[in-house]
Amino acid sequence: MYVIIDLLSHLEDVLKHQVSFYILIQYYMSYLPIMFVQVAPFACLLSTLYTLGKLNQDNEIIAMRSAGLSIFQITKTIIIFGMLISLFIFWVGDKIVPGSLVLTQRIKSQMEEGTKRAKGKEQETITNLTMYGLKNRLFFINKFYPASSTMEGITILEHDEHQNISKKIAANKGVYTDGLWKFYRCITYNFDQNGQILQEPQYSEEEIMIIPETPQDFINQRQRPDFMSIAQLEDYIWKLSRSGASTVIRGLKLDLYQRFTSPFTSLIIILLGIPFSLIMRRRATGLSSIGISIMVGFLYYILEAVSIALGRGGILPPMLAASLSHIIALLFGLHLIDTLP
């Protein structure tokens, strides 16, 4: 269903670019890990509701309760399965999904360009690159060529500890050779604490800049956070922590904490589904399961979206924002289970 809906929604683009069947197969095969991570919580909720609802409909739950089993004893296997599937989602999300996202993005670009083969890194040109570097530097680069370690249209802003601009470097071109950056036709401006230029700008036809960032740093850090593994994202945050970019760092920390909390959505949503499945009476269990799955999932994801928005706005700390929806849903689910007759 996921593939069919996605394909129909992009059918016009597929026909417009005359995408071959082979490329479509590649695209959706590379998309499988992403689909698994996104669909698994809903599938766990649906299966929990249908299984327990069917047992309840056939009076099996009543028989087990009459034998002295508690709700947690009856659902122990389901909860253990939810924990295992959550751990597996965590592993897939960290080890497979980032590479899968990069691959799908590359194939999508290939589909849009109508080419037979994706461009290799040797032919790649990165445009409009922005990066927070060490020593409180902010880089703006119009074009960056990874194959030749060359950048064009360079602007570097240096800030003091209070985030006031202290220096601005503008250069037409920069080349990385022998572990050093050599800039060409560059102008350097120095500023005081009030943002006023201290002296005449210094022009240099050719100058060696002491910049610790390597071309690989620019290649890695231009990636979106969802294209990074947990280790890469932690390293990125550590590097940005020295730049003083508090707003960016807060958003990245929220993304990092979500990597740890999101996989356990399957377990949390199973605990939410258990009480709902046990209160379903004799009715069309399958249709009831689907309806309740949609309702519970919708409400849960609204709560998650609100908490994430509060975190990005700085109202909640990143760790609390990433886990707030899980905490509320967990407590609510446990309360409903505890109040079952």
C-alpha atoms as a PDB file:
ATOM      1  CA  MET A   1       0.000   0.000   0.000  1.00  0.00           C
ATOM      2  CA  TYR A   2       2.825   2.374   0.854  1.00  0.00           C
ATOM      3  CA  VAL A   3       4.500   1.807  -2.519  1.00  0.00           C
ATOM      4  CA  ILE A   4       1.250   2.060  -4.469  1.00  0.00           C
ATOM      5  CA  ILE A   5       0.216   5.319  -2.787  1.00  0.00           C
ATOM      6  CA  ASP A   6       3.679   6.844  -3.235  1.00  0.00           C
ATOM      7  CA  LEU A   7       3.864   5.738  -6.873  1.00  0.00           C
ATOM      8  CA  LEU A   8       0.415   7.114  -7.716  1.00  0.00           C
ATOM      9  CA  SER A   9       1.216  10.444  -6.040  1.00  0.00           C
ATOM     10  CA  HIS A  10       4.368  10.791  -8.205  1.00  0.00           C
ATOM     11  CA  LEU A  11       2.971   9.159 -11.336  1.00  0.00           C
ATOM     12  CA  GLU A  12       2.949  12.432 -13.272  1.00  0.00           C
ATOM     13  CA  ASP A  13       6.665  13.004 -12.604  1.00  0.00           C
ATOM     14  CA  VAL A  14       7.482   9.377 -13.470  1.00  0.00           C
ATOM     15  CA  LEU A  15       5.763   9.683 -16.838  1.00  0.00           C
ATOM     16  CA  LYS A  16       7.181  13.156 -17.463  1.00  0.00           C
ATOM     17  CA  HIS A  17      10.791  12.045 -16.944  1.00  0.00           C
ATOM     18  CA  GLN A  18      10.194   8.652 -18.607  1.00  0.00           C
ATOM     19  CA  VAL A  19      11.665   6.792 -15.661  1.00  0.00           C
ATOM     20  CA  SER A  20      12.527   3.203 -16.491  1.00  0.00           C
ATOM     21  CA  PHE A  21      11.029   0.268 -14.579  1.00  0.00           C
ATOM     22  CA  TYR A  22      14.516  -0.794 -13.448  1.00  0.00           C
ATOM     23  CA  ILE A  23      15.173   2.585 -11.785  1.00  0.00           C
ATOM     24  CA  LEU A  24      11.765   2.456 -10.074  1.00  0.00           C
ATOM     25  CA  ILE A  25      12.611  -0.970  -8.655  1.00  0.00           C
ATOM     26  CA  GLN A  26      15.956   0.392  -7.409  1.00  0.00           C
ATOM     27  CA  TYR A  27      14.231   3.371  -5.819  1.00  0.00           C
ATOM     28  CA  TYR A  28      11.642   1.390  -3.875  1.00  0.00           C
ATOM     29  CA  MET A  29      14.102  -1.336  -2.899  1.00  0.00           C
ATOM     30  CA  SER A  30      16.370   1.325  -1.385  1.00  0.00           C
ATOM     31  CA  TYR A  31      13.295   2.832   0.291  1.00  0.00           C
ATOM     32  CA  LEU A  32      12.352  -0.404   2.085  1.00  0.00           C
ATOM     33  CA  PRO A  33      14.280   0.339   5.332  1.00  0.00           C
ATOM     34  CA  ILE A  34      12.663   3.774   5.528  1.00  0.00           C
ATOM     35  CA  MET A  35       9.220   2.286   4.949  1.00  0.00           C
ATOM     36  CA  PHE A  36       9.857  -0.326   7.633  1.00  0.00           C
ATOM     37  CA  VAL A  37      10.800   2.274  10.253  1.00  0.00           C
ATOM     38  CA  GLN A  38       7.797   4.459   9.406  1.00  0.00           C
ATOM     39  CA  VAL A  39       5.178   1.704   9.150  1.00  0.00           C
ATOM     40  CA  ALA A  40       6.326  -0.589  12.006  1.00  0.00           C
ATOM     41  CA  PRO A  41       4.602   1.323  14.872  1.00  0.00           C
ATOM     42  CA  PHE A  42       1.260   1.365  13.060  1.00  0.00           C
ATOM     43  CA  ALA A  43       1.639  -2.321  12.165  1.00  0.00           C
ATOM     44  CA  CYS A  44       2.404  -3.195  15.797  1.00  0.00           C
ATOM     45  CA  LEU A  45      -0.644  -1.264  16.987  1.00  0.00           C
ATOM     46  CA  LEU A  46      -2.910  -2.846  14.387  1.00  0.00           C
ATOM     47  CA  SER A  47      -1.699  -6.372  15.144  1.00  0.00           C
ATOM     48  CA  THR A  48      -2.088  -5.831  18.903  1.00  0.00           C
ATOM     49  CA  LEU A  49      -5.627  -4.533  18.537  1.00  0.00           C
ATOM     50  CA  TYR A  50      -6.680  -7.271  16.142  1.00  0.00           C
ATOM     51  CA  THR A  51      -5.083 -10.177  18.079  1.00  0.00           C
ATOM     52  CA  LEU A  52      -6.316  -9.199  21.540  1.00  0.00           C
ATOM     53  CA  GLY A  53      -9.621  -7.986  20.143  1.00  0.00           C
ATOM     54  CA  LYS A  54     -10.205 -11.354  18.509  1.00  0.00           C
ATOM     55  CA  LEU A  55      -9.320 -13.174  21.741  1.00  0.00           C
ATOM     56  CA  ASN A  56     -11.667 -10.880  23.613  1.00  0.00           C
ATOM     57  CA  GLN A  57     -14.419 -11.458  21.076  1.00  0.00           C
ATOM     58  CA  ASP A  58     -14.098 -15.229  21.499  1.00  0.00           C
ATOM     59  CA  ASN A  59     -14.108 -14.919  25.318  1.00  0.00           C
ATOM     60  CA  GLU A  60     -10.531 -16.200  25.535  1.00  0.00           C
ATOM     61  CA  ILE A  61      -9.515 -13.205  27.647  1.00  0.00           C
ATOM     62  CA  ILE A  62     -12.307 -13.933  30.119  1.00  0.00           C
ATOM     63  CA  ALA A  63     -11.138 -17.553  30.358  1.00  0.00           C
ATOM     64  CA  MET A  64      -7.542 -16.516  31.046  1.00  0.00           C
ATOM     65  CA  ARG A  65      -8.615 -13.954  33.640  1.00  0.00           C
ATOM     66  CA  SER A  66     -10.788 -16.585  35.303  1.00  0.00           C
ATOM     67  CA  ALA A  67      -7.708 -18.807  35.533  1.00  0.00           C
ATOM     68  CA  GLY A  68      -6.029 -16.121  37.619  1.00  0.00           C
ATOM     69  CA  LEU A  69      -3.832 -14.470  34.973  1.00  0.00           C
ATOM     70  CA  SER A  70      -3.340 -10.706  35.166  1.00  0.00           C
ATOM     71  CA  ILE A  71      -3.414  -8.383  32.173  1.00  0.00           C
ATOM     72  CA  PHE A  72       0.386  -8.105  32.210  1.00  0.00           C
ATOM     73  CA  GLN A  73       0.745 -11.906  32.276  1.00  0.00           C
ATOM     74  CA  ILE A  74      -1.618 -12.229  29.309  1.00  0.00           C
ATOM     75  CA  THR A  75       0.141  -9.534  27.287  1.00  0.00           C
ATOM     76  CA  LYS A  76       3.725 -10.314  28.404  1.00  0.00           C
ATOM     77  CA  THR A  77       4.652 -11.884  25.055  1.00  0.00           C
ATOM     78  CA  ILE A  78       3.281  -8.879  23.137  1.00  0.00           C
ATOM     79  CA  ILE A  79       5.232  -6.428  25.299  1.00  0.00           C
ATOM     80  CA  ILE A  80       8.466  -8.414  24.882  1.00  0.00           C
ATOM     81  CA  PHE A  81       7.887  -8.479  21.122  1.00  0.00           C
ATOM     82  CA  GLY A  82       7.379  -4.693  21.187  1.00  0.00           C
ATOM     83  CA  MET A  83      10.711  -4.261  22.990  1.00  0.00           C
ATOM     84  CA  LEU A  84      12.529  -6.487  20.495  1.00  0.00           C
ATOM     85  CA  ILE A  85      11.012  -4.784  17.460  1.00  0.00           C
ATOM     86  CA  SER A  86      11.883  -1.373  18.958  1.00  0.00           C
ATOM     87  CA  LEU A  87      15.524  -2.400  19.398  1.00  0.00           C
ATOM     88  CA  PHE A  88      15.588  -3.698  15.845  1.00  0.00           C
ATOM     89  CA  ILE A  89      14.100  -0.409  14.568  1.00  0.00           C
ATOM     90  CA  PHE A  90      16.806   1.459  16.503  1.00  0.00           C
ATOM     91  CA  TRP A  91      19.511  -0.601  14.785  1.00  0.00           C
ATOM     92  CA  VAL A  92      17.971  -0.190  11.330  1.00  0.00           C
ATOM     93  CA  GLY A  93      17.449   3.541  11.876  1.00  0.00           C
ATOM     94  CA  ASP A  94      21.071   4.103  12.844  1.00  0.00           C
ATOM     95  CA  LYS A  95      22.933   1.675  10.586  1.00  0.00           C
ATOM     96  CA  ILE A  96      20.806   1.386   7.444  1.00  0.00           C
ATOM     97  CA  VAL A  97      18.354   4.289   7.104  1.00  0.00           C
ATOM     98  CA  PRO A  98      20.948   7.129   6.693  1.00  0.00           C
ATOM     99  CA  GLY A  99      22.646   5.314   3.812  1.00  0.00           C
ATOM    100  CA  SER A 100      19.262   4.398   2.382  1.00  0.00           C
ATOM    101  CA  LEU A 101      18.191   8.046   2.443  1.00  0.00           C
ATOM    102  CA  VAL A 102      21.344   9.082   0.603  1.00  0.00           C
ATOM    103  CA  LEU A 103      20.769   6.367  -2.002  1.00  0.00           C
ATOM    104  CA  THR A 104      17.100   7.227  -2.531  1.00  0.00           C
ATOM    105  CA  GLN A 105      17.975  10.909  -2.865  1.00  0.00           C
ATOM    106  CA  ARG A 106      20.596  10.050  -5.466  1.00  0.00           C
ATOM    107  CA  ILE A 107      18.188   7.842  -7.406  1.00  0.00           C
ATOM    108  CA  LYS A 108      15.502  10.518  -7.195  1.00  0.00           C
ATOM    109  CA  SER A 109      17.920  13.067  -8.657  1.00  0.00           C
ATOM    110  CA  GLN A 110      18.777  10.563 -11.338  1.00  0.00           C
ATOM    111  CA  MET A 111      15.087  10.114 -12.134  1.00  0.00           C
ATOM    112  CA  GLU A 112      14.539  13.862 -12.357  1.00  0.00           C
ATOM    113  CA  GLU A 113      17.562  14.328 -14.599  1.00  0.00           C
ATOM    114  CA  GLY A 114      16.537  11.414 -16.822  1.00  0.00           C
ATOM    115  CA  THR A 115      20.069   9.995 -16.814  1.00  0.00           C
ATOM    116  CA  LYS A 116      21.059   6.349 -16.865  1.00  0.00           C
ATOM    117  CA  ARG A 117      23.637   6.609 -14.159  1.00  0.00           C
ATOM    118  CA  ALA A 118      23.932   8.832 -11.150  1.00  0.00           C
ATOM    119  CA  LYS A 119      26.792  11.268 -11.139  1.00  0.00           C
ATOM    120  CA  GLY A 120      29.803  10.145  -9.163  1.00  0.00           C
ATOM    121  CA  LYS A 121      31.419  12.183  -6.456  1.00  0.00           C
ATOM    122  CA  GLU A 122      34.169  13.104  -8.872  1.00  0.00           C
ATOM    123  CA  GLN A 123      31.651  15.087 -10.949  1.00  0.00           C
ATOM    124  CA  GLU A 124      29.766  16.477  -7.970  1.00  0.00           C
ATOM    125  CA  THR A 125      29.443  20.193  -7.326  1.00  0.00           C
ATOM    126  CA  ILE A 126      28.064  21.372  -3.997  1.00  0.00           C
ATOM    127  CA  THR A 127      26.363  24.756  -4.228  1.00  0.00           C
ATOM    128  CA  ASN A 128      25.333  27.237  -1.531  1.00  0.00           C
ATOM    129  CA  LEU A 129      27.190  25.435   1.250  1.00  0.00           C
ATOM    130  CA  THR A 130      26.860  26.831   4.774  1.00  0.00           C
ATOM    131  CA  MET A 131      28.800  25.375   7.697  1.00  0.00           C
ATOM    132  CA  TYR A 132      29.584  26.230  11.302  1.00  0.00           C
ATOM    133  CA  GLY A 133      33.250  25.526  11.915  1.00  0.00           C
ATOM    134  CA  LEU A 134      35.727  25.572  14.760  1.00  0.00           C
ATOM    135  CA  LYS A 135      36.996  28.765  16.352  1.00  0.00           C
ATOM    136  CA  ASN A 136      33.536  30.344  16.052  1.00  0.00           C
ATOM    137  CA  ARG A 137      33.658  30.550  12.269  1.00  0.00           C
ATOM    138  CA  LEU A 138      30.695  30.568   9.903  1.00  0.00           C
ATOM    139  CA  PHE A 139      31.398  29.585   6.283  1.00  0.00           C
ATOM    140  CA  PHE A 140      29.356  30.605   3.229  1.00  0.00           C
ATOM    141  CA  ILE A 141      30.550  28.987  -0.007  1.00  0.00           C
ATOM    142  CA  ASN A 142      28.921  29.443  -3.409  1.00  0.00           C
ATOM    143  CA  LYS A 143      30.493  26.371  -5.041  1.00  0.00           C
ATOM    144  CA  PHE A 144      32.579  23.532  -3.682  1.00  0.00           C
ATOM    145  CA  TYR A 145      34.252  20.875  -5.874  1.00  0.00           C
ATOM    146  CA  PRO A 146      35.143  17.816  -3.729  1.00  0.00           C
ATOM    147  CA  ALA A 147      37.198  16.147  -6.475  1.00  0.00           C
ATOM    148  CA  SER A 148      39.699  19.022  -6.675  1.00  0.00           C
ATOM    149  CA  SER A 149      39.235  20.316  -3.086  1.00  0.00           C
ATOM    150  CA  THR A 150      38.415  23.725  -4.508  1.00  0.00           C
ATOM    151  CA  MET A 151      35.834  26.283  -3.423  1.00  0.00           C
ATOM    152  CA  GLU A 152      34.611  29.485  -5.047  1.00  0.00           C
ATOM    153  CA  GLY A 153      32.794  32.520  -3.710  1.00  0.00           C
ATOM    154  CA  ILE A 154      33.987  32.235  -0.093  1.00  0.00           C
ATOM    155  CA  THR A 155      32.797  34.294   2.852  1.00  0.00           C
ATOM    156  CA  ILE A 156      34.020  33.519   6.386  1.00  0.00           C
ATOM    157  CA  LEU A 157      32.641  35.276   9.467  1.00  0.00           C
ATOM    158  CA  GLU A 158      34.524  35.002  12.757  1.00  0.00           C
ATOM    159  CA  HIS A 159      32.732  35.768  16.040  1.00  0.00           C
ATOM    160  CA  ASP A 160      33.872  36.458  19.575  1.00  0.00           C
ATOM    161  CA  GLU A 161      32.558  34.698  22.700  1.00  0.00           C
ATOM    162  CA  HIS A 162      29.509  37.009  22.721  1.00  0.00           C
ATOM    163  CA  GLN A 163      28.691  36.126  19.110  1.00  0.00           C
ATOM    164  CA  ASN A 164      29.688  39.572  17.844  1.00  0.00           C
ATOM    165  CA  ILE A 165      31.385  39.563  14.454  1.00  0.00           C
ATOM    166  CA  SER A 166      35.116  40.219  14.815  1.00  0.00           C
ATOM    167  CA  LYS A 167      36.458  39.415  11.352  1.00  0.00           C
ATOM    168  CA  LYS A 168      35.168  38.882   7.827  1.00  0.00           C
ATOM    169  CA  ILE A 169      37.151  37.197   5.070  1.00  0.00           C
ATOM    170  CA  ALA A 170      35.958  37.250   1.471  1.00  0.00           C
ATOM    171  CA  ALA A 171      37.814  35.374  -1.271  1.00  0.00           C
ATOM    172  CA  ASN A 172      37.155  34.472  -4.890  1.00  0.00           C
ATOM    173  CA  LYS A 173      38.734  31.034  -4.670  1.00  0.00           C
ATOM    174  CA  GLY A 174      40.264  28.602  -2.195  1.00  0.00           C
ATOM    175  CA  VAL A 175      42.338  25.450  -2.830  1.00  0.00           C
ATOM    176  CA  TYR A 176      43.353  22.798  -0.292  1.00  0.00           C
ATOM    177  CA  THR A 177      46.926  21.610  -0.857  1.00  0.00           C
ATOM    178  CA  ASP A 178      49.463  19.975   1.470  1.00  0.00           C
ATOM    179  CA  GLY A 179      47.125  20.251   4.465  1.00  0.00           C
ATOM    180  CA  LEU A 180      46.594  24.004   4.082  1.00  0.00           C
ATOM    181  CA  TRP A 181      43.986  26.270   2.509  1.00  0.00           C
ATOM    182  CA  LYS A 182      45.332  28.770   0.000  1.00  0.00           C
ATOM    183  CA  PHE A 183      42.938  31.637  -0.788  1.00  0.00           C
ATOM    184  CA  TYR A 184      43.149  33.845  -3.869  1.00  0.00           C
ATOM    185  CA  ARG A 185      42.091  37.492  -4.203  1.00  0.00           C
ATOM    186  CA  CYS A 186      40.884  37.774  -0.625  1.00  0.00           C
ATOM    187  CA  ILE A 187      39.872  40.787   1.452  1.00  0.00           C
ATOM    188  CA  THR A 188      39.969  40.780   5.266  1.00  0.00           C
ATOM    189  CA  TYR A 189      37.853  43.101   7.437  1.00  0.00           C
ATOM    190  CA  ASN A 190      38.378  43.524  11.198  1.00  0.00           C
ATOM    191  CA  PHE A 191      35.539  44.778  13.408  1.00  0.00           C
ATOM    192  CA  ASP A 192      35.299  46.240  16.886  1.00  0.00           C
ATOM    193  CA  GLN A 193      32.715  45.278  19.523  1.00  0.00           C
ATOM    194  CA  ASN A 194      30.178  47.674  17.989  1.00  0.00           C
ATOM    195  CA  GLY A 195      30.471  46.090  14.551  1.00  0.00           C
ATOM    196  CA  GLN A 196      32.465  48.977  13.071  1.00  0.00           C
ATOM    197  CA  ILE A 197      35.445  48.378  10.787  1.00  0.00           C
ATOM    198  CA  LEU A 198      38.651  49.011  12.725  1.00  0.00           C
ATOM    199  CA  GLN A 199      40.939  49.834   9.815  1.00  0.00           C
ATOM    200  CA  GLU A 200      41.202  49.710   6.062  1.00  0.00           C
ATOM    201  CA  PRO A 201      40.361  46.291   4.591  1.00  0.00           C
ATOM    202  CA  GLN A 202      43.456  44.228   3.814  1.00  0.00           C
ATOM    203  CA  TYR A 203      43.683  42.880   0.272  1.00  0.00           C
ATOM    204  CA  SER A 204      45.852  39.916  -0.682  1.00  0.00           C
ATOM    205  CA  GLU A 205      46.270  38.327  -4.094  1.00  0.00           C
ATOM    206  CA  GLU A 206      47.261  35.027  -2.495  1.00  0.00           C
ATOM    207  CA  GLU A 207      47.216  34.041   1.170  1.00  0.00           C
ATOM    208  CA  ILE A 208      47.525  30.847   3.209  1.00  0.00           C
ATOM    209  CA  MET A 209      44.727  30.551   5.787  1.00  0.00           C
ATOM    210  CA  ILE A 210      45.100  28.615   9.042  1.00  0.00           C
ATOM    211  CA  ILE A 211      41.756  26.800   8.942  1.00  0.00           C
ATOM    212  CA  PRO A 212      41.496  23.400  10.677  1.00  0.00           C
ATOM    213  CA  GLU A 213      38.571  22.200   8.519  1.00  0.00           C
ATOM    214  CA  THR A 214      39.499  19.808   5.710  1.00  0.00           C
ATOM    215  CA  PRO A 215      37.569  19.204   2.469  1.00  0.00           C
ATOM    216  CA  GLN A 216      36.133  16.033   4.031  1.00  0.00           C
ATOM    217  CA  ASP A 217      34.675  18.130   6.857  1.00  0.00           C
ATOM    218  CA  PHE A 218      32.830  20.266   4.321  1.00  0.00           C
ATOM    219  CA  ILE A 219      31.568  17.155   2.511  1.00  0.00           C
ATOM    220  CA  ASN A 220      30.358  15.500   5.707  1.00  0.00           C
ATOM    221  CA  GLN A 221      28.787  18.511   7.374  1.00  0.00           C
ATOM    222  CA  ARG A 222      26.767  19.621   4.395  1.00  0.00           C
ATOM    223  CA  GLN A 223      24.640  16.526   4.918  1.00  0.00           C
ATOM    224  CA  ARG A 224      21.228  16.813   6.493  1.00  0.00           C
ATOM    225  CA  PRO A 225      20.987  15.405  10.036  1.00  0.00           C
ATOM    226  CA  ASP A 226      18.708  12.575   8.891  1.00  0.00           C
ATOM    227  CA  PHE A 227      21.457  11.468   6.492  1.00  0.00           C
ATOM    228  CA  MET A 228      23.871  10.983   9.409  1.00  0.00           C
ATOM    229  CA  SER A 229      24.301   8.111  11.822  1.00  0.00           C
ATOM    230  CA  ILE A 230      24.154   8.762  15.575  1.00  0.00           C
ATOM    231  CA  ALA A 231      27.963   8.844  15.801  1.00  0.00           C
ATOM    232  CA  GLN A 232      28.227  11.326  12.913  1.00  0.00           C
ATOM    233  CA  LEU A 233      25.502  13.517  14.394  1.00  0.00           C
ATOM    234  CA  GLU A 234      27.191  13.542  17.812  1.00  0.00           C
ATOM    235  CA  ASP A 235      30.492  14.523  16.172  1.00  0.00           C
ATOM    236  CA  TYR A 236      28.735  17.268  14.211  1.00  0.00           C
ATOM    237  CA  ILE A 237      27.136  18.660  17.390  1.00  0.00           C
ATOM    238  CA  TRP A 238      30.513  18.574  19.167  1.00  0.00           C
ATOM    239  CA  LYS A 239      32.104  20.611  16.401  1.00  0.00           C
ATOM    240  CA  LEU A 240      29.238  23.113  16.341  1.00  0.00           C
ATOM    241  CA  SER A 241      29.323  23.476  20.128  1.00  0.00           C
ATOM    242  CA  ARG A 242      32.496  25.538  19.720  1.00  0.00           C
ATOM    243  CA  SER A 243      30.839  27.890  17.253  1.00  0.00           C
ATOM    244  CA  GLY A 244      28.253  29.208  19.698  1.00  0.00           C
ATOM    245  CA  ALA A 245      25.369  28.573  17.288  1.00  0.00           C
ATOM    246  CA  SER A 246      22.907  27.826  20.087  1.00  0.00           C
ATOM    247  CA  THR A 247      19.737  27.671  17.959  1.00  0.00           C
ATOM    248  CA  VAL A 248      21.253  25.255  15.460  1.00  0.00           C
ATOM    249  CA  ILE A 249      22.773  23.136  18.232  1.00  0.00           C
ATOM    250  CA  ARG A 250      19.420  22.917  20.033  1.00  0.00           C
ATOM    251  CA  GLY A 251      17.726  21.639  16.872  1.00  0.00           C
ATOM    252  CA  LEU A 252      20.475  19.102  16.251  1.00  0.00           C
ATOM    253  CA  LYS A 253      20.348  17.855  19.849  1.00  0.00           C
ATOM    254  CA  LEU A 254      16.615  17.371  19.439  1.00  0.00           C
ATOM    255  CA  ASP A 255      17.259  15.321  16.286  1.00  0.00           C
ATOM    256  CA  LEU A 256      19.856  13.280  18.180  1.00  0.00           C
ATOM    257  CA  TYR A 257      17.575  12.507  21.126  1.00  0.00           C
ATOM    258  CA  GLN A 258      14.795  11.565  18.719  1.00  0.00           C
ATOM    259  CA  ARG A 259      17.104   8.880  17.315  1.00  0.00           C
ATOM    260  CA  PHE A 260      17.005   7.229  20.748  1.00  0.00           C
ATOM    261  CA  THR A 261      13.333   7.774  21.578  1.00  0.00           C
ATOM    262  CA  SER A 262      11.544   7.330  18.229  1.00  0.00           C
ATOM    263  CA  PRO A 263      12.348   3.595  17.823  1.00  0.00           C
ATOM    264  CA  PHE A 264      10.461   2.887  21.037  1.00  0.00           C
ATOM    265  CA  THR A 265       7.267   4.276  19.549  1.00  0.00           C
ATOM    266  CA  SER A 266       6.303   0.688  18.655  1.00  0.00           C
ATOM    267  CA  LEU A 267       6.530  -0.413  22.295  1.00  0.00           C
ATOM    268  CA  ILE A 268       4.700   2.648  23.616  1.00  0.00           C
ATOM    269  CA  ILE A 269       1.942   2.355  21.046  1.00  0.00           C
ATOM    270  CA  ILE A 270       1.495  -1.354  21.868  1.00  0.00           C
ATOM    271  CA  LEU A 271       0.945  -0.414  25.518  1.00  0.00           C
ATOM    272  CA  LEU A 272      -1.648   2.107  24.313  1.00  0.00           C
ATOM    273  CA  GLY A 273      -3.328  -0.498  22.137  1.00  0.00           C
ATOM    274  CA  ILE A 274      -3.681  -3.185  24.833  1.00  0.00           C
ATOM    275  CA  PRO A 275      -6.476  -1.517  26.864  1.00  0.00           C
ATOM    276  CA  PHE A 276      -8.348  -0.428  23.725  1.00  0.00           C
ATOM    277  CA  SER A 277      -8.278  -3.971  22.340  1.00  0.00           C
ATOM    278  CA  LEU A 278      -9.612  -5.440  25.586  1.00  0.00           C
ATOM    279  CA  ILE A 279     -12.593  -3.109  25.782  1.00  0.00           C
ATOM    280  CA  MET A 280     -13.778  -3.990  22.268  1.00  0.00           C
ATOM    281  CA  ARG A 281     -16.915  -6.100  22.448  1.00  0.00           C
ATOM    282  CA  ARG A 282     -18.538  -8.475  19.977  1.00  0.00           C
ATOM    283  CA  ARG A 283     -18.370  -6.577  16.748  1.00  0.00           C
ATOM    284  CA  ALA A 284     -16.402  -6.555  13.506  1.00  0.00           C
ATOM    285  CA  THR A 285     -12.997  -6.880  15.156  1.00  0.00           C
ATOM    286  CA  GLY A 286     -10.969  -6.213  12.019  1.00  0.00           C
ATOM    287  CA  LEU A 287     -12.730  -2.941  11.153  1.00  0.00           C
ATOM    288  CA  SER A 288     -12.701  -1.850  14.803  1.00  0.00           C
ATOM    289  CA  SER A 289      -8.940  -2.509  14.988  1.00  0.00           C
ATOM    290  CA  ILE A 290      -8.244  -0.385  11.921  1.00  0.00           C
ATOM    291  CA  GLY A 291     -10.433   2.477  13.159  1.00  0.00           C
ATOM    292  CA  ILE A 292      -8.943   2.539  16.640  1.00  0.00           C
ATOM    293  CA  SER A 293      -5.410   2.226  15.185  1.00  0.00           C
ATOM    294  CA  ILE A 294      -5.964   5.310  13.073  1.00  0.00           C
ATOM    295  CA  MET A 295      -7.450   7.266  15.991  1.00  0.00           C
ATOM    296  CA  VAL A 296      -4.774   6.322  18.537  1.00  0.00           C
ATOM    297  CA  GLY A 297      -1.935   6.787  16.039  1.00  0.00           C
ATOM    298  CA  PHE A 298      -3.294  10.175  14.941  1.00  0.00           C
ATOM    299  CA  LEU A 299      -3.587  11.479  18.500  1.00  0.00           C
ATOM    300  CA  TYR A 300      -0.166  10.132  19.436  1.00  0.00           C
ATOM    301  CA  TYR A 301       1.579  11.757  16.479  1.00  0.00           C
ATOM    302  CA  ILE A 302      -0.190  15.071  17.144  1.00  0.00           C
ATOM    303  CA  LEU A 303       1.175  14.978  20.698  1.00  0.00           C
ATOM    304  CA  GLU A 304       4.640  14.164  19.376  1.00  0.00           C
ATOM    305  CA  ALA A 305       4.513  16.971  16.789  1.00  0.00           C
ATOM    306  CA  VAL A 306       3.508  19.505  19.468  1.00  0.00           C
ATOM    307  CA  SER A 307       6.304  18.456  21.832  1.00  0.00           C
ATOM    308  CA  ILE A 308       8.898  18.596  19.033  1.00  0.00           C
ATOM    309  CA  ALA A 309       7.676  22.064  18.020  1.00  0.00           C
ATOM    310  CA  LEU A 310       8.015  23.244  21.633  1.00  0.00           C
ATOM    311  CA  GLY A 311      11.547  21.847  21.694  1.00  0.00           C
ATOM    312  CA  ARG A 312      12.583  23.585  18.474  1.00  0.00           C
ATOM    313  CA  GLY A 313      11.112  26.821  19.772  1.00  0.00           C
ATOM    314  CA  GLY A 314      13.267  26.624  22.898  1.00  0.00           C
ATOM    315  CA  ILE A 315      10.295  26.274  25.267  1.00  0.00           C
ATOM    316  CA  LEU A 316      11.260  22.723  26.276  1.00  0.00           C
ATOM    317  CA  PRO A 317      14.777  21.276  26.669  1.00  0.00           C
ATOM    318  CA  PRO A 318      15.682  19.019  23.714  1.00  0.00           C
ATOM    319  CA  MET A 319      15.744  15.804  25.771  1.00  0.00           C
ATOM    320  CA  LEU A 320      12.338  16.492  27.334  1.00  0.00           C
ATOM    321  CA  ALA A 321      10.826  17.511  23.990  1.00  0.00           C
ATOM    322  CA  ALA A 322      12.018  14.291  22.351  1.00  0.00           C
ATOM    323  CA  SER A 323      10.626  12.089  25.131  1.00  0.00           C
ATOM    324  CA  LEU A 324       7.543  14.013  26.327  1.00  0.00           C
ATOM    325  CA  SER A 325       5.065  12.275  24.024  1.00  0.00           C
ATOM    326  CA  HIS A 326       6.508   8.880  25.007  1.00  0.00           C
ATOM    327  CA  ILE A 327       6.241   9.665  28.720  1.00  0.00           C
ATOM    328  CA  ILE A 328       2.634  10.878  28.472  1.00  0.00           C
ATOM    329  CA  ALA A 329       1.565   7.968  26.247  1.00  0.00           C
ATOM    330  CA  LEU A 330       3.334   5.447  28.496  1.00  0.00           C
ATOM    331  CA  LEU A 331       1.716   6.762  31.669  1.00  0.00           C
ATOM    332  CA  PHE A 332      -1.685   6.962  29.980  1.00  0.00           C
ATOM    333  CA  GLY A 333      -1.387   3.425  28.621  1.00  0.00           C
ATOM    334  CA  LEU A 334      -0.304   1.994  31.988  1.00  0.00           C
ATOM    335  CA  HIS A 335      -3.153   3.841  33.707  1.00  0.00           C
ATOM    336  CA  LEU A 336      -5.722   2.399  31.288  1.00  0.00           C
ATOM    337  CA  ILE A 337      -4.306  -1.112  31.769  1.00  0.00           C
ATOM    338  CA  ASP A 338      -4.386  -0.713  35.547  1.00  0.00           C
ATOM    339  CA  THR A 339      -8.044   0.368  35.508  1.00  0.00           C
ATOM    340  CA  LEU A 340      -9.214  -2.571  33.407  1.00  0.00           C
ATOM    341  CA  PRO A 341     -11.651  -4.837  35.295  1.00  0.00           C
END
